[in-house]
């Protein structure tokens, strides 16, 4: 059976959220771990932008945006009802202004930025998330939804930039929410360390069995 091919990079938050949806949906695919400094020709041929994640379907259709991969996977099978808890406006804030500040906080030399200023602006979004978690423990209520899984990898990256600073912030609900997701079986299942893929390597089957949250 020909499987979809997922080009991914373990630590990329965009690829991470795509893998979360693929795994939760039980969508089997062939995972190809990408070394960003030596991207495989197959990735570049499928998607000239050559950024991960990219999902290439057996009919050669290419899905090259992480949210589109999430929707495709969950559209096939959504056993936990993530799509019904979407909160698209919150995801747009994460992918827009928060990601802008995250990049300039984490990589100030790359962007010639003031990391403290961008950390403080990003913290405004974190405080909003912390307030939203008061109602049920997840961003859309009592159960995780698409918003939780689409946003969590970026909060993880922001928190890890200065773990001591994040731990000292008055964000108890957000800190607990992040800790719980990072400790979940689902998260562990998408964070296996694979060697970079090369032509001729045996396929790595990923996501064949849904793992709950």
C-alpha atoms as a PDB file:
ATOM      1  CA  UNK A   1       0.000   0.000   0.000  1.00  0.00           C
ATOM      2  CA  UNK A   2       1.323   3.427  -0.941  1.00  0.00           C
ATOM      3  CA  UNK A   3       1.243   5.777   2.038  1.00  0.00           C
ATOM      4  CA  UNK A   4       1.254   9.563   2.164  1.00  0.00           C
ATOM      5  CA  UNK A   5       4.736  10.959   2.789  1.00  0.00           C
ATOM      6  CA  UNK A   6       5.243  13.453   5.608  1.00  0.00           C
ATOM      7  CA  UNK A   7       8.365  15.592   5.542  1.00  0.00           C
ATOM      8  CA  UNK A   8       8.934  16.751   9.094  1.00  0.00           C
ATOM      9  CA  UNK A   9      11.474  18.171  11.524  1.00  0.00           C
ATOM     10  CA  UNK A  10      11.135  16.984  15.100  1.00  0.00           C
ATOM     11  CA  UNK A  11      11.564  20.329  16.884  1.00  0.00           C
ATOM     12  CA  UNK A  12       9.590  22.539  14.465  1.00  0.00           C
ATOM     13  CA  UNK A  13       6.330  23.629  16.137  1.00  0.00           C
ATOM     14  CA  UNK A  14       4.494  23.641  12.810  1.00  0.00           C
ATOM     15  CA  UNK A  15       5.581  20.072  12.091  1.00  0.00           C
ATOM     16  CA  UNK A  16       4.832  19.115  15.679  1.00  0.00           C
ATOM     17  CA  UNK A  17       1.191  20.138  15.460  1.00  0.00           C
ATOM     18  CA  UNK A  18       0.798  18.367  12.137  1.00  0.00           C
ATOM     19  CA  UNK A  19       2.173  15.161  13.682  1.00  0.00           C
ATOM     20  CA  UNK A  20      -0.182  15.507  16.650  1.00  0.00           C
ATOM     21  CA  UNK A  21      -3.215  15.569  14.355  1.00  0.00           C
ATOM     22  CA  UNK A  22      -1.891  12.739  12.174  1.00  0.00           C
ATOM     23  CA  UNK A  23      -1.272  10.555  15.203  1.00  0.00           C
ATOM     24  CA  UNK A  24      -4.583  11.369  16.895  1.00  0.00           C
ATOM     25  CA  UNK A  25      -6.469  10.582  13.693  1.00  0.00           C
ATOM     26  CA  UNK A  26      -4.622   7.320  13.072  1.00  0.00           C
ATOM     27  CA  UNK A  27      -3.584   8.486   9.604  1.00  0.00           C
ATOM     28  CA  UNK A  28      -0.744   6.207   8.535  1.00  0.00           C
ATOM     29  CA  UNK A  29       2.044   7.896   6.596  1.00  0.00           C
ATOM     30  CA  UNK A  30       5.716   7.517   5.810  1.00  0.00           C
ATOM     31  CA  UNK A  31       7.668   9.961   7.952  1.00  0.00           C
ATOM     32  CA  UNK A  32      10.821  11.490   6.503  1.00  0.00           C
ATOM     33  CA  UNK A  33      12.815  13.456   9.052  1.00  0.00           C
ATOM     34  CA  UNK A  34      14.470  16.443   7.394  1.00  0.00           C
ATOM     35  CA  UNK A  35      17.874  17.898   8.182  1.00  0.00           C
ATOM     36  CA  UNK A  36      17.263  21.584   7.541  1.00  0.00           C
ATOM     37  CA  UNK A  37      20.799  22.233   6.341  1.00  0.00           C
ATOM     38  CA  UNK A  38      20.550  19.412   3.776  1.00  0.00           C
ATOM     39  CA  UNK A  39      16.957  19.228   2.609  1.00  0.00           C
ATOM     40  CA  UNK A  40      16.144  16.161   0.498  1.00  0.00           C
ATOM     41  CA  UNK A  41      15.432  16.754  -3.202  1.00  0.00           C
ATOM     42  CA  UNK A  42      12.025  15.113  -2.832  1.00  0.00           C
ATOM     43  CA  UNK A  43      10.914  17.824  -0.419  1.00  0.00           C
ATOM     44  CA  UNK A  44      12.094  20.613  -2.704  1.00  0.00           C
ATOM     45  CA  UNK A  45      10.433  18.986  -5.710  1.00  0.00           C
ATOM     46  CA  UNK A  46       7.133  18.591  -3.880  1.00  0.00           C
ATOM     47  CA  UNK A  47       7.128  22.062  -2.347  1.00  0.00           C
ATOM     48  CA  UNK A  48       9.522  24.734  -3.637  1.00  0.00           C
ATOM     49  CA  UNK A  49       9.220  26.649  -0.352  1.00  0.00           C
ATOM     50  CA  UNK A  50      10.950  23.589   1.188  1.00  0.00           C
ATOM     51  CA  UNK A  51       9.739  24.254   4.716  1.00  0.00           C
ATOM     52  CA  UNK A  52       8.234  21.580   6.929  1.00  0.00           C
ATOM     53  CA  UNK A  53       5.750  20.096   7.324  1.00  0.00           C
ATOM     54  CA  UNK A  54       4.781  18.917   3.863  1.00  0.00           C
ATOM     55  CA  UNK A  55       2.396  16.017   3.275  1.00  0.00           C
ATOM     56  CA  UNK A  56       2.501  14.381  -0.167  1.00  0.00           C
ATOM     57  CA  UNK A  57      -0.540  12.199  -0.863  1.00  0.00           C
ATOM     58  CA  UNK A  58      -0.386   9.073  -3.029  1.00  0.00           C
ATOM     59  CA  UNK A  59      -2.206  10.921  -5.835  1.00  0.00           C
ATOM     60  CA  UNK A  60       0.642  13.506  -5.739  1.00  0.00           C
ATOM     61  CA  UNK A  61      -1.534  16.193  -4.138  1.00  0.00           C
ATOM     62  CA  UNK A  62       0.713  18.245  -1.845  1.00  0.00           C
ATOM     63  CA  UNK A  63      -0.471  19.783   1.436  1.00  0.00           C
ATOM     64  CA  UNK A  64       2.179  22.238   2.553  1.00  0.00           C
ATOM     65  CA  UNK A  65       0.632  24.117   5.481  1.00  0.00           C
ATOM     66  CA  UNK A  66       0.493  22.657   8.971  1.00  0.00           C
ATOM     67  CA  UNK A  67      -3.101  23.692   9.687  1.00  0.00           C
ATOM     68  CA  UNK A  68      -4.211  22.224   6.359  1.00  0.00           C
ATOM     69  CA  UNK A  69      -2.514  18.952   7.303  1.00  0.00           C
ATOM     70  CA  UNK A  70      -4.332  18.997  10.634  1.00  0.00           C
ATOM     71  CA  UNK A  71      -7.681  19.586   8.938  1.00  0.00           C
ATOM     72  CA  UNK A  72      -7.001  16.912   6.314  1.00  0.00           C
ATOM     73  CA  UNK A  73      -6.078  14.294   8.930  1.00  0.00           C
ATOM     74  CA  UNK A  74      -8.921  15.096  11.303  1.00  0.00           C
ATOM     75  CA  UNK A  75     -11.343  15.333   8.394  1.00  0.00           C
ATOM     76  CA  UNK A  76     -10.630  11.642   7.787  1.00  0.00           C
ATOM     77  CA  UNK A  77     -11.009  10.666  11.433  1.00  0.00           C
ATOM     78  CA  UNK A  78     -11.532  12.931  14.439  1.00  0.00           C
ATOM     79  CA  UNK A  79     -12.059  10.544  17.371  1.00  0.00           C
ATOM     80  CA  UNK A  80     -11.605  13.228  20.035  1.00  0.00           C
ATOM     81  CA  UNK A  81     -13.708  15.944  18.400  1.00  0.00           C
ATOM     82  CA  UNK A  82     -10.871  18.422  17.958  1.00  0.00           C
ATOM     83  CA  UNK A  83     -12.441  20.097  14.944  1.00  0.00           C
ATOM     84  CA  UNK A  84     -15.534  20.994  16.953  1.00  0.00           C
ATOM     85  CA  UNK A  85     -13.287  22.966  19.319  1.00  0.00           C
ATOM     86  CA  UNK A  86     -11.455  25.076  16.788  1.00  0.00           C
ATOM     87  CA  UNK A  87     -11.208  28.688  18.033  1.00  0.00           C
ATOM     88  CA  UNK A  88      -9.729  29.862  14.733  1.00  0.00           C
ATOM     89  CA  UNK A  89      -9.323  33.466  15.851  1.00  0.00           C
ATOM     90  CA  UNK A  90      -7.043  32.355  18.682  1.00  0.00           C
ATOM     91  CA  UNK A  91      -4.975  30.196  16.321  1.00  0.00           C
ATOM     92  CA  UNK A  92      -4.639  33.209  13.994  1.00  0.00           C
ATOM     93  CA  UNK A  93      -3.303  35.304  16.887  1.00  0.00           C
ATOM     94  CA  UNK A  94      -0.819  32.550  17.698  1.00  0.00           C
ATOM     95  CA  UNK A  95       0.343  32.196  14.112  1.00  0.00           C
ATOM     96  CA  UNK A  96       0.512  35.953  13.572  1.00  0.00           C
ATOM     97  CA  UNK A  97       1.596  38.375  16.292  1.00  0.00           C
ATOM     98  CA  UNK A  98       2.619  35.766  18.870  1.00  0.00           C
ATOM     99  CA  UNK A  99       4.831  33.871  16.405  1.00  0.00           C
ATOM    100  CA  UNK A 100       6.326  37.207  15.320  1.00  0.00           C
ATOM    101  CA  UNK A 101       7.306  37.979  18.907  1.00  0.00           C
ATOM    102  CA  UNK A 102       8.423  34.408  19.589  1.00  0.00           C
ATOM    103  CA  UNK A 103      10.903  34.466  16.711  1.00  0.00           C
ATOM    104  CA  UNK A 104      12.350  37.801  17.793  1.00  0.00           C
ATOM    105  CA  UNK A 105      12.560  36.709  21.423  1.00  0.00           C
ATOM    106  CA  UNK A 106      14.202  33.341  20.641  1.00  0.00           C
ATOM    107  CA  UNK A 107      16.435  34.496  17.773  1.00  0.00           C
ATOM    108  CA  UNK A 108      17.333  38.164  18.456  1.00  0.00           C
ATOM    109  CA  UNK A 109      20.607  38.020  16.507  1.00  0.00           C
ATOM    110  CA  UNK A 110      18.816  36.681  13.448  1.00  0.00           C
ATOM    111  CA  UNK A 111      16.236  39.479  13.562  1.00  0.00           C
ATOM    112  CA  UNK A 112      18.316  42.284  15.126  1.00  0.00           C
ATOM    113  CA  UNK A 113      15.611  42.588  17.769  1.00  0.00           C
ATOM    114  CA  UNK A 114      15.213  43.444  21.445  1.00  0.00           C
ATOM    115  CA  UNK A 115      14.376  40.062  22.988  1.00  0.00           C
ATOM    116  CA  UNK A 116      13.035  41.513  26.238  1.00  0.00           C
ATOM    117  CA  UNK A 117      10.530  43.699  24.392  1.00  0.00           C
ATOM    118  CA  UNK A 118       9.279  40.786  22.312  1.00  0.00           C
ATOM    119  CA  UNK A 119       9.163  38.528  25.357  1.00  0.00           C
ATOM    120  CA  UNK A 120       6.951  41.066  27.105  1.00  0.00           C
ATOM    121  CA  UNK A 121       4.638  41.370  24.102  1.00  0.00           C
ATOM    122  CA  UNK A 122       4.433  37.602  23.812  1.00  0.00           C
ATOM    123  CA  UNK A 123       3.589  37.414  27.505  1.00  0.00           C
ATOM    124  CA  UNK A 124       0.409  39.389  26.809  1.00  0.00           C
ATOM    125  CA  UNK A 125      -0.804  36.457  24.710  1.00  0.00           C
ATOM    126  CA  UNK A 126       0.256  33.972  27.384  1.00  0.00           C
ATOM    127  CA  UNK A 127      -1.802  35.871  29.967  1.00  0.00           C
ATOM    128  CA  UNK A 128      -4.823  35.709  27.676  1.00  0.00           C
ATOM    129  CA  UNK A 129      -4.399  31.961  27.342  1.00  0.00           C
ATOM    130  CA  UNK A 130      -4.060  31.596  31.109  1.00  0.00           C
ATOM    131  CA  UNK A 131      -7.359  33.420  31.609  1.00  0.00           C
ATOM    132  CA  UNK A 132      -9.122  31.267  29.015  1.00  0.00           C
ATOM    133  CA  UNK A 133      -8.017  28.100  30.797  1.00  0.00           C
ATOM    134  CA  UNK A 134      -9.921  29.136  33.921  1.00  0.00           C
ATOM    135  CA  UNK A 135     -13.242  27.906  32.518  1.00  0.00           C
ATOM    136  CA  UNK A 136     -12.381  24.265  31.912  1.00  0.00           C
ATOM    137  CA  UNK A 137      -8.656  23.635  31.851  1.00  0.00           C
ATOM    138  CA  UNK A 138      -8.388  23.664  28.041  1.00  0.00           C
ATOM    139  CA  UNK A 139      -8.584  26.576  25.625  1.00  0.00           C
ATOM    140  CA  UNK A 140     -12.019  25.586  24.371  1.00  0.00           C
ATOM    141  CA  UNK A 141     -13.524  24.101  27.533  1.00  0.00           C
ATOM    142  CA  UNK A 142     -13.007  20.847  29.369  1.00  0.00           C
ATOM    143  CA  UNK A 143     -11.544  18.819  26.499  1.00  0.00           C
ATOM    144  CA  UNK A 144      -8.597  19.589  24.235  1.00  0.00           C
ATOM    145  CA  UNK A 145      -9.448  20.864  20.795  1.00  0.00           C
ATOM    146  CA  UNK A 146      -7.757  21.981  17.620  1.00  0.00           C
ATOM    147  CA  UNK A 147      -6.762  25.269  19.257  1.00  0.00           C
ATOM    148  CA  UNK A 148      -4.959  23.495  22.107  1.00  0.00           C
ATOM    149  CA  UNK A 149      -2.986  21.273  19.759  1.00  0.00           C
ATOM    150  CA  UNK A 150      -2.242  24.001  17.219  1.00  0.00           C
ATOM    151  CA  UNK A 151      -1.000  26.464  19.850  1.00  0.00           C
ATOM    152  CA  UNK A 152       0.718  24.232  22.414  1.00  0.00           C
ATOM    153  CA  UNK A 153       3.949  23.613  20.417  1.00  0.00           C
ATOM    154  CA  UNK A 154       4.515  27.368  20.143  1.00  0.00           C
ATOM    155  CA  UNK A 155       3.922  27.956  23.856  1.00  0.00           C
ATOM    156  CA  UNK A 156       6.367  25.103  24.479  1.00  0.00           C
ATOM    157  CA  UNK A 157       8.996  26.851  22.368  1.00  0.00           C
ATOM    158  CA  UNK A 158       8.386  30.212  24.057  1.00  0.00           C
ATOM    159  CA  UNK A 159       8.591  28.626  27.532  1.00  0.00           C
ATOM    160  CA  UNK A 160      11.812  26.767  26.726  1.00  0.00           C
ATOM    161  CA  UNK A 161      13.588  29.926  25.539  1.00  0.00           C
ATOM    162  CA  UNK A 162      14.071  30.915  29.199  1.00  0.00           C
ATOM    163  CA  UNK A 163      12.568  28.188  31.345  1.00  0.00           C
ATOM    164  CA  UNK A 164      13.361  29.956  34.624  1.00  0.00           C
ATOM    165  CA  UNK A 165      11.600  33.123  33.463  1.00  0.00           C
ATOM    166  CA  UNK A 166       8.532  31.174  32.335  1.00  0.00           C
ATOM    167  CA  UNK A 167       8.345  29.227  35.591  1.00  0.00           C
ATOM    168  CA  UNK A 168       8.445  32.474  37.582  1.00  0.00           C
ATOM    169  CA  UNK A 169       5.469  34.041  35.779  1.00  0.00           C
ATOM    170  CA  UNK A 170       2.022  34.189  37.417  1.00  0.00           C
ATOM    171  CA  UNK A 171       0.562  31.829  34.814  1.00  0.00           C
ATOM    172  CA  UNK A 172      -0.429  28.810  36.910  1.00  0.00           C
ATOM    173  CA  UNK A 173      -3.145  27.481  34.604  1.00  0.00           C
ATOM    174  CA  UNK A 174      -1.029  27.835  31.476  1.00  0.00           C
ATOM    175  CA  UNK A 175       1.986  26.229  33.131  1.00  0.00           C
ATOM    176  CA  UNK A 176      -0.133  23.271  34.266  1.00  0.00           C
ATOM    177  CA  UNK A 177      -1.794  22.998  30.824  1.00  0.00           C
ATOM    178  CA  UNK A 178       1.586  22.917  29.087  1.00  0.00           C
ATOM    179  CA  UNK A 179       3.048  20.451  31.570  1.00  0.00           C
ATOM    180  CA  UNK A 180       0.075  18.097  31.164  1.00  0.00           C
ATOM    181  CA  UNK A 181       0.248  18.133  27.377  1.00  0.00           C
ATOM    182  CA  UNK A 182       4.004  17.579  27.363  1.00  0.00           C
ATOM    183  CA  UNK A 183       3.552  14.608  29.704  1.00  0.00           C
ATOM    184  CA  UNK A 184       0.829  12.995  27.577  1.00  0.00           C
ATOM    185  CA  UNK A 185       1.175   9.724  25.681  1.00  0.00           C
ATOM    186  CA  UNK A 186       0.140  11.537  22.512  1.00  0.00           C
ATOM    187  CA  UNK A 187       2.954  14.063  22.757  1.00  0.00           C
ATOM    188  CA  UNK A 188       5.501  11.360  23.545  1.00  0.00           C
ATOM    189  CA  UNK A 189       4.359   9.411  20.489  1.00  0.00           C
ATOM    190  CA  UNK A 190       5.143  12.278  18.097  1.00  0.00           C
ATOM    191  CA  UNK A 191       8.527  13.177  19.591  1.00  0.00           C
ATOM    192  CA  UNK A 192      10.484  10.016  18.758  1.00  0.00           C
ATOM    193  CA  UNK A 193      13.971  10.920  17.560  1.00  0.00           C
ATOM    194  CA  UNK A 194      14.653   9.725  14.005  1.00  0.00           C
ATOM    195  CA  UNK A 195      17.798  10.036  11.935  1.00  0.00           C
ATOM    196  CA  UNK A 196      17.524  12.330   8.897  1.00  0.00           C
ATOM    197  CA  UNK A 197      16.002  10.516   5.939  1.00  0.00           C
ATOM    198  CA  UNK A 198      17.994   9.758   2.789  1.00  0.00           C
ATOM    199  CA  UNK A 199      16.996   8.226  -0.535  1.00  0.00           C
ATOM    200  CA  UNK A 200      16.990   4.465  -0.233  1.00  0.00           C
ATOM    201  CA  UNK A 201      16.264   4.379   3.519  1.00  0.00           C
ATOM    202  CA  UNK A 202      13.646   1.916   4.723  1.00  0.00           C
ATOM    203  CA  UNK A 203      10.302   3.677   5.280  1.00  0.00           C
ATOM    204  CA  UNK A 204       9.326   4.771   8.781  1.00  0.00           C
ATOM    205  CA  UNK A 205       5.592   4.258   9.236  1.00  0.00           C
ATOM    206  CA  UNK A 206       4.067   6.895  11.472  1.00  0.00           C
ATOM    207  CA  UNK A 207       0.557   7.466  12.813  1.00  0.00           C
ATOM    208  CA  UNK A 208      -0.858   4.040  11.976  1.00  0.00           C
ATOM    209  CA  UNK A 209      -2.595   3.723  15.327  1.00  0.00           C
ATOM    210  CA  UNK A 210      -4.439   6.581  17.009  1.00  0.00           C
ATOM    211  CA  UNK A 211      -3.116   7.511  20.443  1.00  0.00           C
ATOM    212  CA  UNK A 212      -5.428   9.362  22.795  1.00  0.00           C
ATOM    213  CA  UNK A 213      -4.754  12.493  24.782  1.00  0.00           C
END
